[in-house]
Amino acid sequence: MKRIGLVLAGVLVGAVVALQVPSLAQNGGTSAGTTDTQQRTITVTGTASINAKPDEADVSLGVHTQAGSAQDAMDQNAAKMNRVLDALKKMGIGDADLATTDVSLNPMWSNDGSSIVGYQAENTIDATIHDMGQVGKAIDAAVGAGANLAGGITFKLSDANQGLNQALAKAVQNARTKADAMSAAAGATIGQVVTIAETSTPGPLPYADRVAFGAAAAAAPTPVNPPTIQTQATVTVTWSLV
């Protein structure tokens, strides 16, 4: 019985050793064959811009009135603003392009600030005009109908992303040109793109302009020359070096 026990123990020990030897051999092979190579890369920022003429203009128009009572000031203001709105609608500007932006009523005080001598009311609107040739005419029509407040004009593109894709493509080309020059100077060659990201705010920025309203505007046509709006794009690209 003792002899059989010793034989079994020897078999078990041999099995354990047999299982462990391949494991050691495998670990040794993996360790010996591992080489850590850090990837060489180059990261460059590229920029580009596209110019376009605006096809929309937001014109801020308003009416200011004064009267002895708050009710009279508001009534007079409402009557004038309705005439302004009617004049704009006759030019083909629809309700969807006319938006009230502010209505206010404030007391007017005496010089010593001891008493209220009257009230002043204001009502301002934004008129969105899609035909750039009508901007000056719309201003003249509004002034002729009673508008006496000016908030200026904001020129913009109806499609906020107009030209953005083209600007992004040019920005990537600009980044590649820089990367080629830098890698060539360092004796390396550009490989595949590793990462690419847009780092600019998409869309063109509106252009705001101030236009003075008053008696002169009614006497002569108001000249309006839409500016050029610029769409800018910036990208950051990382290439591998080979």
C-alpha atoms as a PDB file:
ATOM      1  CA  MET A   1       0.000   0.000   0.000  1.00  0.00           C
ATOM      2  CA  LYS A   2       2.811   2.380   0.802  1.00  0.00           C
ATOM      3  CA  ARG A   3       4.487   1.616  -2.483  1.00  0.00           C
ATOM      4  CA  ILE A   4       1.340   2.354  -4.461  1.00  0.00           C
ATOM      5  CA  GLY A   5       0.959   5.661  -2.595  1.00  0.00           C
ATOM      6  CA  LEU A   6       4.499   6.672  -3.493  1.00  0.00           C
ATOM      7  CA  VAL A   7       3.935   5.870  -7.140  1.00  0.00           C
ATOM      8  CA  LEU A   8       0.753   7.940  -7.246  1.00  0.00           C
ATOM      9  CA  ALA A   9       2.500  10.855  -5.567  1.00  0.00           C
ATOM     10  CA  GLY A  10       5.266  10.660  -8.134  1.00  0.00           C
ATOM     11  CA  VAL A  11       2.761  10.740 -10.969  1.00  0.00           C
ATOM     12  CA  LEU A  12       1.018  13.808  -9.519  1.00  0.00           C
ATOM     13  CA  VAL A  13       4.298  15.677  -9.080  1.00  0.00           C
ATOM     14  CA  GLY A  14       5.280  14.823 -12.611  1.00  0.00           C
ATOM     15  CA  ALA A  15       1.955  16.109 -13.897  1.00  0.00           C
ATOM     16  CA  VAL A  16       2.381  19.412 -12.084  1.00  0.00           C
ATOM     17  CA  VAL A  17       5.891  19.819 -13.481  1.00  0.00           C
ATOM     18  CA  ALA A  18       4.705  18.895 -16.954  1.00  0.00           C
ATOM     19  CA  LEU A  19       1.978  21.537 -16.765  1.00  0.00           C
ATOM     20  CA  GLN A  20       4.341  24.213 -15.498  1.00  0.00           C
ATOM     21  CA  VAL A  21       7.153  23.721 -17.993  1.00  0.00           C
ATOM     22  CA  PRO A  22       5.177  24.780 -21.126  1.00  0.00           C
ATOM     23  CA  SER A  23       3.903  27.804 -19.199  1.00  0.00           C
ATOM     24  CA  LEU A  24       7.423  28.896 -18.361  1.00  0.00           C
ATOM     25  CA  ALA A  25       8.544  28.312 -21.906  1.00  0.00           C
ATOM     26  CA  GLN A  26       5.641  30.351 -23.247  1.00  0.00           C
ATOM     27  CA  ASN A  27       6.263  33.284 -20.889  1.00  0.00           C
ATOM     28  CA  GLY A  28       9.931  33.256 -21.722  1.00  0.00           C
ATOM     29  CA  GLY A  29       9.197  33.369 -25.441  1.00  0.00           C
ATOM     30  CA  THR A  30       6.779  36.269 -25.155  1.00  0.00           C
ATOM     31  CA  SER A  31       9.104  38.350 -23.027  1.00  0.00           C
ATOM     32  CA  ALA A  32      12.051  37.794 -25.323  1.00  0.00           C
ATOM     33  CA  GLY A  33      10.061  38.711 -28.469  1.00  0.00           C
ATOM     34  CA  THR A  34       8.412  41.940 -27.222  1.00  0.00           C
ATOM     35  CA  THR A  35       9.786  45.235 -28.527  1.00  0.00           C
ATOM     36  CA  ASP A  36       8.105  48.566 -27.657  1.00  0.00           C
ATOM     37  CA  THR A  37       8.273  51.002 -30.560  1.00  0.00           C
ATOM     38  CA  GLN A  38       6.763  54.466 -30.062  1.00  0.00           C
ATOM     39  CA  GLN A  39       4.866  55.761 -33.106  1.00  0.00           C
ATOM     40  CA  ARG A  40       6.286  58.959 -34.559  1.00  0.00           C
ATOM     41  CA  THR A  41       3.668  61.551 -35.464  1.00  0.00           C
ATOM     42  CA  ILE A  42       3.346  65.166 -36.538  1.00  0.00           C
ATOM     43  CA  THR A  43       0.392  67.401 -35.572  1.00  0.00           C
ATOM     44  CA  VAL A  44      -0.394  70.535 -37.586  1.00  0.00           C
ATOM     45  CA  THR A  45      -3.181  73.144 -37.517  1.00  0.00           C
ATOM     46  CA  GLY A  46      -4.564  74.389 -40.829  1.00  0.00           C
ATOM     47  CA  THR A  47      -6.832  77.372 -41.528  1.00  0.00           C
ATOM     48  CA  ALA A  48      -8.823  78.616 -44.505  1.00  0.00           C
ATOM     49  CA  SER A  49     -11.604  81.085 -45.266  1.00  0.00           C
ATOM     50  CA  ILE A  50     -14.319  81.478 -47.903  1.00  0.00           C
ATOM     51  CA  ASN A  51     -15.958  84.819 -48.772  1.00  0.00           C
ATOM     52  CA  ALA A  52     -19.630  85.167 -49.717  1.00  0.00           C
ATOM     53  CA  LYS A  53     -22.160  87.931 -50.176  1.00  0.00           C
ATOM     54  CA  PRO A  54     -25.023  87.972 -47.628  1.00  0.00           C
ATOM     55  CA  ASP A  55     -28.537  87.140 -48.775  1.00  0.00           C
ATOM     56  CA  GLU A  56     -30.393  88.245 -45.634  1.00  0.00           C
ATOM     57  CA  ALA A  57     -30.525  91.464 -43.619  1.00  0.00           C
ATOM     58  CA  ASP A  58     -32.112  92.007 -40.219  1.00  0.00           C
ATOM     59  CA  VAL A  59     -33.115  95.665 -39.928  1.00  0.00           C
ATOM     60  CA  SER A  60     -33.962  97.028 -36.492  1.00  0.00           C
ATOM     61  CA  LEU A  61     -36.673  99.709 -36.617  1.00  0.00           C
ATOM     62  CA  GLY A  62     -38.527 101.499 -33.857  1.00  0.00           C
ATOM     63  CA  VAL A  63     -41.015 104.146 -32.857  1.00  0.00           C
ATOM     64  CA  HIS A  64     -40.580 106.563 -29.950  1.00  0.00           C
ATOM     65  CA  THR A  65     -43.493 108.691 -28.723  1.00  0.00           C
ATOM     66  CA  GLN A  66     -44.103 111.087 -25.829  1.00  0.00           C
ATOM     67  CA  ALA A  67     -47.383 112.220 -24.255  1.00  0.00           C
ATOM     68  CA  GLY A  68     -48.816 113.654 -21.059  1.00  0.00           C
ATOM     69  CA  SER A  69     -50.322 110.349 -19.972  1.00  0.00           C
ATOM     70  CA  ALA A  70     -49.148 106.767 -20.203  1.00  0.00           C
ATOM     71  CA  GLN A  71     -52.208 105.745 -22.192  1.00  0.00           C
ATOM     72  CA  ASP A  72     -51.756 108.506 -24.753  1.00  0.00           C
ATOM     73  CA  ALA A  73     -48.077 107.656 -25.168  1.00  0.00           C
ATOM     74  CA  MET A  74     -48.907 103.998 -25.812  1.00  0.00           C
ATOM     75  CA  ASP A  75     -51.839 104.778 -28.117  1.00  0.00           C
ATOM     76  CA  GLN A  76     -49.776 107.145 -30.258  1.00  0.00           C
ATOM     77  CA  ASN A  77     -46.948 104.640 -30.361  1.00  0.00           C
ATOM     78  CA  ALA A  78     -49.215 101.799 -31.412  1.00  0.00           C
ATOM     79  CA  ALA A  79     -50.772 103.885 -34.183  1.00  0.00           C
ATOM     80  CA  LYS A  80     -47.363 104.809 -35.610  1.00  0.00           C
ATOM     81  CA  MET A  81     -45.990 101.277 -35.342  1.00  0.00           C
ATOM     82  CA  ASN A  82     -49.037  99.884 -37.146  1.00  0.00           C
ATOM     83  CA  ARG A  83     -48.363 102.299 -39.998  1.00  0.00           C
ATOM     84  CA  VAL A  84     -44.728 101.173 -40.077  1.00  0.00           C
ATOM     85  CA  LEU A  85     -45.768  97.513 -40.218  1.00  0.00           C
ATOM     86  CA  ASP A  86     -48.292  98.211 -42.976  1.00  0.00           C
ATOM     87  CA  ALA A  87     -45.631 100.001 -45.024  1.00  0.00           C
ATOM     88  CA  LEU A  88     -43.245  97.049 -44.703  1.00  0.00           C
ATOM     89  CA  LYS A  89     -45.940  94.526 -45.583  1.00  0.00           C
ATOM     90  CA  LYS A  90     -46.788  96.482 -48.723  1.00  0.00           C
ATOM     91  CA  MET A  91     -43.184  95.861 -49.790  1.00  0.00           C
ATOM     92  CA  GLY A  92     -43.766  92.117 -49.561  1.00  0.00           C
ATOM     93  CA  ILE A  93     -42.263  91.540 -46.106  1.00  0.00           C
ATOM     94  CA  GLY A  94     -44.496  88.944 -44.456  1.00  0.00           C
ATOM     95  CA  ASP A  95     -45.502  88.435 -40.837  1.00  0.00           C
ATOM     96  CA  ALA A  96     -42.952  85.628 -40.476  1.00  0.00           C
ATOM     97  CA  ASP A  97     -40.177  88.164 -41.152  1.00  0.00           C
ATOM     98  CA  LEU A  98     -41.475  90.815 -38.735  1.00  0.00           C
ATOM     99  CA  ALA A  99     -40.756  90.303 -35.031  1.00  0.00           C
ATOM    100  CA  THR A 100     -41.260  92.595 -32.045  1.00  0.00           C
ATOM    101  CA  THR A 101     -38.057  92.847 -30.025  1.00  0.00           C
ATOM    102  CA  ASP A 102     -38.977  95.393 -27.329  1.00  0.00           C
ATOM    103  CA  VAL A 103     -41.908  97.398 -25.948  1.00  0.00           C
ATOM    104  CA  SER A 104     -41.314  99.879 -23.130  1.00  0.00           C
ATOM    105  CA  LEU A 105     -43.090 102.675 -21.245  1.00  0.00           C
ATOM    106  CA  ASN A 106     -41.249 105.044 -18.889  1.00  0.00           C
ATOM    107  CA  PRO A 107     -42.147 108.216 -16.983  1.00  0.00           C
ATOM    108  CA  MET A 108     -40.482 111.541 -17.779  1.00  0.00           C
ATOM    109  CA  TRP A 109     -39.499 113.521 -14.716  1.00  0.00           C
ATOM    110  CA  SER A 110     -39.211 117.237 -14.152  1.00  0.00           C
ATOM    111  CA  ASN A 111     -35.760 118.829 -14.109  1.00  0.00           C
ATOM    112  CA  ASP A 112     -35.580 118.659 -10.326  1.00  0.00           C
ATOM    113  CA  GLY A 113     -36.913 115.077 -10.307  1.00  0.00           C
ATOM    114  CA  SER A 114     -39.802 115.918  -8.040  1.00  0.00           C
ATOM    115  CA  SER A 115     -42.711 115.112 -10.342  1.00  0.00           C
ATOM    116  CA  ILE A 116     -43.726 113.198 -13.466  1.00  0.00           C
ATOM    117  CA  VAL A 117     -44.324 115.475 -16.437  1.00  0.00           C
ATOM    118  CA  GLY A 118     -45.208 112.877 -19.023  1.00  0.00           C
ATOM    119  CA  TYR A 119     -44.516 109.414 -20.445  1.00  0.00           C
ATOM    120  CA  GLN A 120     -42.441 108.032 -23.282  1.00  0.00           C
ATOM    121  CA  ALA A 121     -43.172 104.797 -25.100  1.00  0.00           C
ATOM    122  CA  GLU A 122     -40.978 102.770 -27.428  1.00  0.00           C
ATOM    123  CA  ASN A 123     -41.649  99.804 -29.694  1.00  0.00           C
ATOM    124  CA  THR A 124     -38.915  98.173 -31.766  1.00  0.00           C
ATOM    125  CA  ILE A 125     -39.079  95.412 -34.364  1.00  0.00           C
ATOM    126  CA  ASP A 126     -36.696  93.351 -36.482  1.00  0.00           C
ATOM    127  CA  ALA A 127     -37.536  93.102 -40.172  1.00  0.00           C
ATOM    128  CA  THR A 128     -35.804  90.293 -42.069  1.00  0.00           C
ATOM    129  CA  ILE A 129     -35.280  91.212 -45.720  1.00  0.00           C
ATOM    130  CA  HIS A 130     -34.252  88.563 -48.260  1.00  0.00           C
ATOM    131  CA  ASP A 131     -33.644  90.875 -51.216  1.00  0.00           C
ATOM    132  CA  MET A 132     -30.552  92.992 -50.623  1.00  0.00           C
ATOM    133  CA  GLY A 133     -31.795  95.517 -53.183  1.00  0.00           C
ATOM    134  CA  GLN A 134     -34.818  96.207 -50.969  1.00  0.00           C
ATOM    135  CA  VAL A 135     -32.996  96.993 -47.721  1.00  0.00           C
ATOM    136  CA  GLY A 136     -32.624 100.738 -48.307  1.00  0.00           C
ATOM    137  CA  LYS A 137     -36.164 100.996 -49.674  1.00  0.00           C
ATOM    138  CA  ALA A 138     -37.554  99.215 -46.611  1.00  0.00           C
ATOM    139  CA  ILE A 139     -35.792 101.678 -44.325  1.00  0.00           C
ATOM    140  CA  ASP A 140     -37.163 104.624 -46.292  1.00  0.00           C
ATOM    141  CA  ALA A 141     -40.683 103.186 -46.210  1.00  0.00           C
ATOM    142  CA  ALA A 142     -40.512 102.643 -42.447  1.00  0.00           C
ATOM    143  CA  VAL A 143     -39.210 106.148 -41.762  1.00  0.00           C
ATOM    144  CA  GLY A 144     -41.857 107.622 -44.011  1.00  0.00           C
ATOM    145  CA  ALA A 145     -44.511 105.778 -41.993  1.00  0.00           C
ATOM    146  CA  GLY A 146     -43.235 107.060 -38.650  1.00  0.00           C
ATOM    147  CA  ALA A 147     -40.176 105.043 -37.571  1.00  0.00           C
ATOM    148  CA  ASN A 148     -37.730 107.245 -35.667  1.00  0.00           C
ATOM    149  CA  LEU A 149     -35.467 104.724 -33.921  1.00  0.00           C
ATOM    150  CA  ALA A 150     -32.516 102.913 -35.489  1.00  0.00           C
ATOM    151  CA  GLY A 151     -30.970  99.701 -34.267  1.00  0.00           C
ATOM    152  CA  GLY A 152     -28.845  99.145 -37.350  1.00  0.00           C
ATOM    153  CA  ILE A 153     -28.594  96.281 -39.838  1.00  0.00           C
ATOM    154  CA  THR A 154     -27.209  92.784 -39.380  1.00  0.00           C
ATOM    155  CA  PHE A 155     -26.173  91.121 -42.646  1.00  0.00           C
ATOM    156  CA  LYS A 156     -26.012  87.337 -42.694  1.00  0.00           C
ATOM    157  CA  LEU A 157     -26.285  84.186 -44.776  1.00  0.00           C
ATOM    158  CA  SER A 158     -29.601  82.320 -44.785  1.00  0.00           C
ATOM    159  CA  ASP A 159     -27.585  79.084 -44.831  1.00  0.00           C
ATOM    160  CA  ALA A 160     -25.267  79.408 -41.854  1.00  0.00           C
ATOM    161  CA  ASN A 161     -23.082  76.568 -43.190  1.00  0.00           C
ATOM    162  CA  GLN A 162     -22.693  78.052 -46.663  1.00  0.00           C
ATOM    163  CA  GLY A 163     -19.127  77.513 -47.816  1.00  0.00           C
ATOM    164  CA  LEU A 164     -18.140  75.687 -44.629  1.00  0.00           C
ATOM    165  CA  ASN A 165     -17.374  72.345 -46.300  1.00  0.00           C
ATOM    166  CA  GLN A 166     -15.213  74.070 -48.887  1.00  0.00           C
ATOM    167  CA  ALA A 167     -13.406  76.011 -46.164  1.00  0.00           C
ATOM    168  CA  LEU A 168     -12.798  72.796 -44.179  1.00  0.00           C
ATOM    169  CA  ALA A 169     -11.327  71.060 -47.241  1.00  0.00           C
ATOM    170  CA  LYS A 170      -8.994  73.991 -47.842  1.00  0.00           C
ATOM    171  CA  ALA A 171      -7.989  74.010 -44.163  1.00  0.00           C
ATOM    172  CA  VAL A 172      -6.969  70.342 -44.386  1.00  0.00           C
ATOM    173  CA  GLN A 173      -4.937  71.109 -47.519  1.00  0.00           C
ATOM    174  CA  ASN A 174      -3.276  73.975 -45.664  1.00  0.00           C
ATOM    175  CA  ALA A 175      -2.378  71.651 -42.791  1.00  0.00           C
ATOM    176  CA  ARG A 176      -0.953  69.051 -45.197  1.00  0.00           C
ATOM    177  CA  THR A 177       1.233  71.675 -46.915  1.00  0.00           C
ATOM    178  CA  LYS A 178       2.697  72.662 -43.551  1.00  0.00           C
ATOM    179  CA  ALA A 179       3.197  69.044 -42.523  1.00  0.00           C
ATOM    180  CA  ASP A 180       5.018  68.203 -45.782  1.00  0.00           C
ATOM    181  CA  ALA A 181       7.400  71.138 -45.329  1.00  0.00           C
ATOM    182  CA  MET A 182       8.129  70.337 -41.687  1.00  0.00           C
ATOM    183  CA  SER A 183       8.608  66.596 -42.224  1.00  0.00           C
ATOM    184  CA  ALA A 184      10.866  67.128 -45.242  1.00  0.00           C
ATOM    185  CA  ALA A 185      13.063  69.471 -43.210  1.00  0.00           C
ATOM    186  CA  ALA A 186      13.314  66.790 -40.520  1.00  0.00           C
ATOM    187  CA  GLY A 187      14.135  64.043 -43.022  1.00  0.00           C
ATOM    188  CA  ALA A 188      10.857  62.184 -42.554  1.00  0.00           C
ATOM    189  CA  THR A 189       7.905  61.251 -44.769  1.00  0.00           C
ATOM    190  CA  ILE A 190       4.215  61.811 -44.093  1.00  0.00           C
ATOM    191  CA  GLY A 191       2.188  58.625 -43.597  1.00  0.00           C
ATOM    192  CA  GLN A 192      -1.479  58.024 -42.844  1.00  0.00           C
ATOM    193  CA  VAL A 193      -3.826  60.361 -40.979  1.00  0.00           C
ATOM    194  CA  VAL A 194      -4.048  59.371 -37.298  1.00  0.00           C
ATOM    195  CA  THR A 195      -6.583  61.937 -36.084  1.00  0.00           C
ATOM    196  CA  ILE A 196      -8.365  64.947 -37.544  1.00  0.00           C
ATOM    197  CA  ALA A 197     -10.599  67.431 -35.755  1.00  0.00           C
ATOM    198  CA  GLU A 198     -12.347  70.712 -36.467  1.00  0.00           C
ATOM    199  CA  THR A 199     -11.263  73.260 -33.876  1.00  0.00           C
ATOM    200  CA  SER A 200     -13.147  76.321 -35.116  1.00  0.00           C
ATOM    201  CA  THR A 201     -16.702  77.486 -34.540  1.00  0.00           C
ATOM    202  CA  PRO A 202     -18.643  76.523 -37.692  1.00  0.00           C
ATOM    203  CA  GLY A 203     -20.598  79.033 -39.697  1.00  0.00           C
ATOM    204  CA  PRO A 204     -19.970  82.625 -40.767  1.00  0.00           C
ATOM    205  CA  LEU A 205     -20.300  85.475 -38.320  1.00  0.00           C
ATOM    206  CA  PRO A 206     -23.056  88.034 -39.024  1.00  0.00           C
ATOM    207  CA  TYR A 207     -21.894  91.532 -39.923  1.00  0.00           C
ATOM    208  CA  ALA A 208     -23.597  94.386 -38.081  1.00  0.00           C
ATOM    209  CA  ASP A 209     -23.761  97.882 -39.559  1.00  0.00           C
ATOM    210  CA  ARG A 210     -25.228 101.108 -38.243  1.00  0.00           C
ATOM    211  CA  VAL A 211     -27.576 103.202 -40.341  1.00  0.00           C
ATOM    212  CA  ALA A 212     -28.803 106.618 -39.227  1.00  0.00           C
ATOM    213  CA  PHE A 213     -32.531 107.275 -39.578  1.00  0.00           C
ATOM    214  CA  GLY A 214     -34.210 110.638 -39.572  1.00  0.00           C
ATOM    215  CA  ALA A 215     -35.392 113.422 -41.844  1.00  0.00           C
ATOM    216  CA  ALA A 216     -32.486 112.870 -44.245  1.00  0.00           C
ATOM    217  CA  ALA A 217     -33.562 109.274 -44.811  1.00  0.00           C
ATOM    218  CA  ALA A 218     -36.995 110.414 -45.957  1.00  0.00           C
ATOM    219  CA  ALA A 219     -35.558 113.123 -48.200  1.00  0.00           C
ATOM    220  CA  ALA A 220     -33.182 110.845 -50.143  1.00  0.00           C
ATOM    221  CA  PRO A 221     -32.908 107.081 -50.726  1.00  0.00           C
ATOM    222  CA  THR A 222     -30.909 105.330 -48.036  1.00  0.00           C
ATOM    223  CA  PRO A 223     -27.801 103.740 -49.621  1.00  0.00           C
ATOM    224  CA  VAL A 224     -27.050 100.221 -48.387  1.00  0.00           C
ATOM    225  CA  ASN A 225     -23.994  98.297 -49.609  1.00  0.00           C
ATOM    226  CA  PRO A 226     -23.946  94.721 -48.228  1.00  0.00           C
ATOM    227  CA  PRO A 227     -20.482  93.647 -47.061  1.00  0.00           C
ATOM    228  CA  THR A 228     -18.673  90.396 -47.757  1.00  0.00           C
ATOM    229  CA  ILE A 229     -19.144  87.770 -45.056  1.00  0.00           C
ATOM    230  CA  GLN A 230     -16.231  85.461 -44.331  1.00  0.00           C
ATOM    231  CA  THR A 231     -16.577  81.804 -43.341  1.00  0.00           C
ATOM    232  CA  GLN A 232     -13.496  80.584 -41.478  1.00  0.00           C
ATOM    233  CA  ALA A 233     -12.457  77.014 -40.701  1.00  0.00           C
ATOM    234  CA  THR A 234      -9.652  75.603 -38.569  1.00  0.00           C
ATOM    235  CA  VAL A 235      -8.643  71.946 -38.339  1.00  0.00           C
ATOM    236  CA  THR A 236      -5.997  70.044 -36.406  1.00  0.00           C
ATOM    237  CA  VAL A 237      -4.556  66.962 -38.132  1.00  0.00           C
ATOM    238  CA  THR A 238      -2.111  64.344 -36.883  1.00  0.00           C
ATOM    239  CA  TRP A 239      -0.182  62.208 -39.378  1.00  0.00           C
ATOM    240  CA  SER A 240       2.155  59.274 -38.760  1.00  0.00           C
ATOM    241  CA  LEU A 241       5.770  59.674 -39.857  1.00  0.00           C
ATOM    242  CA  VAL A 242       7.446  56.918 -41.861  1.00  0.00           C
END
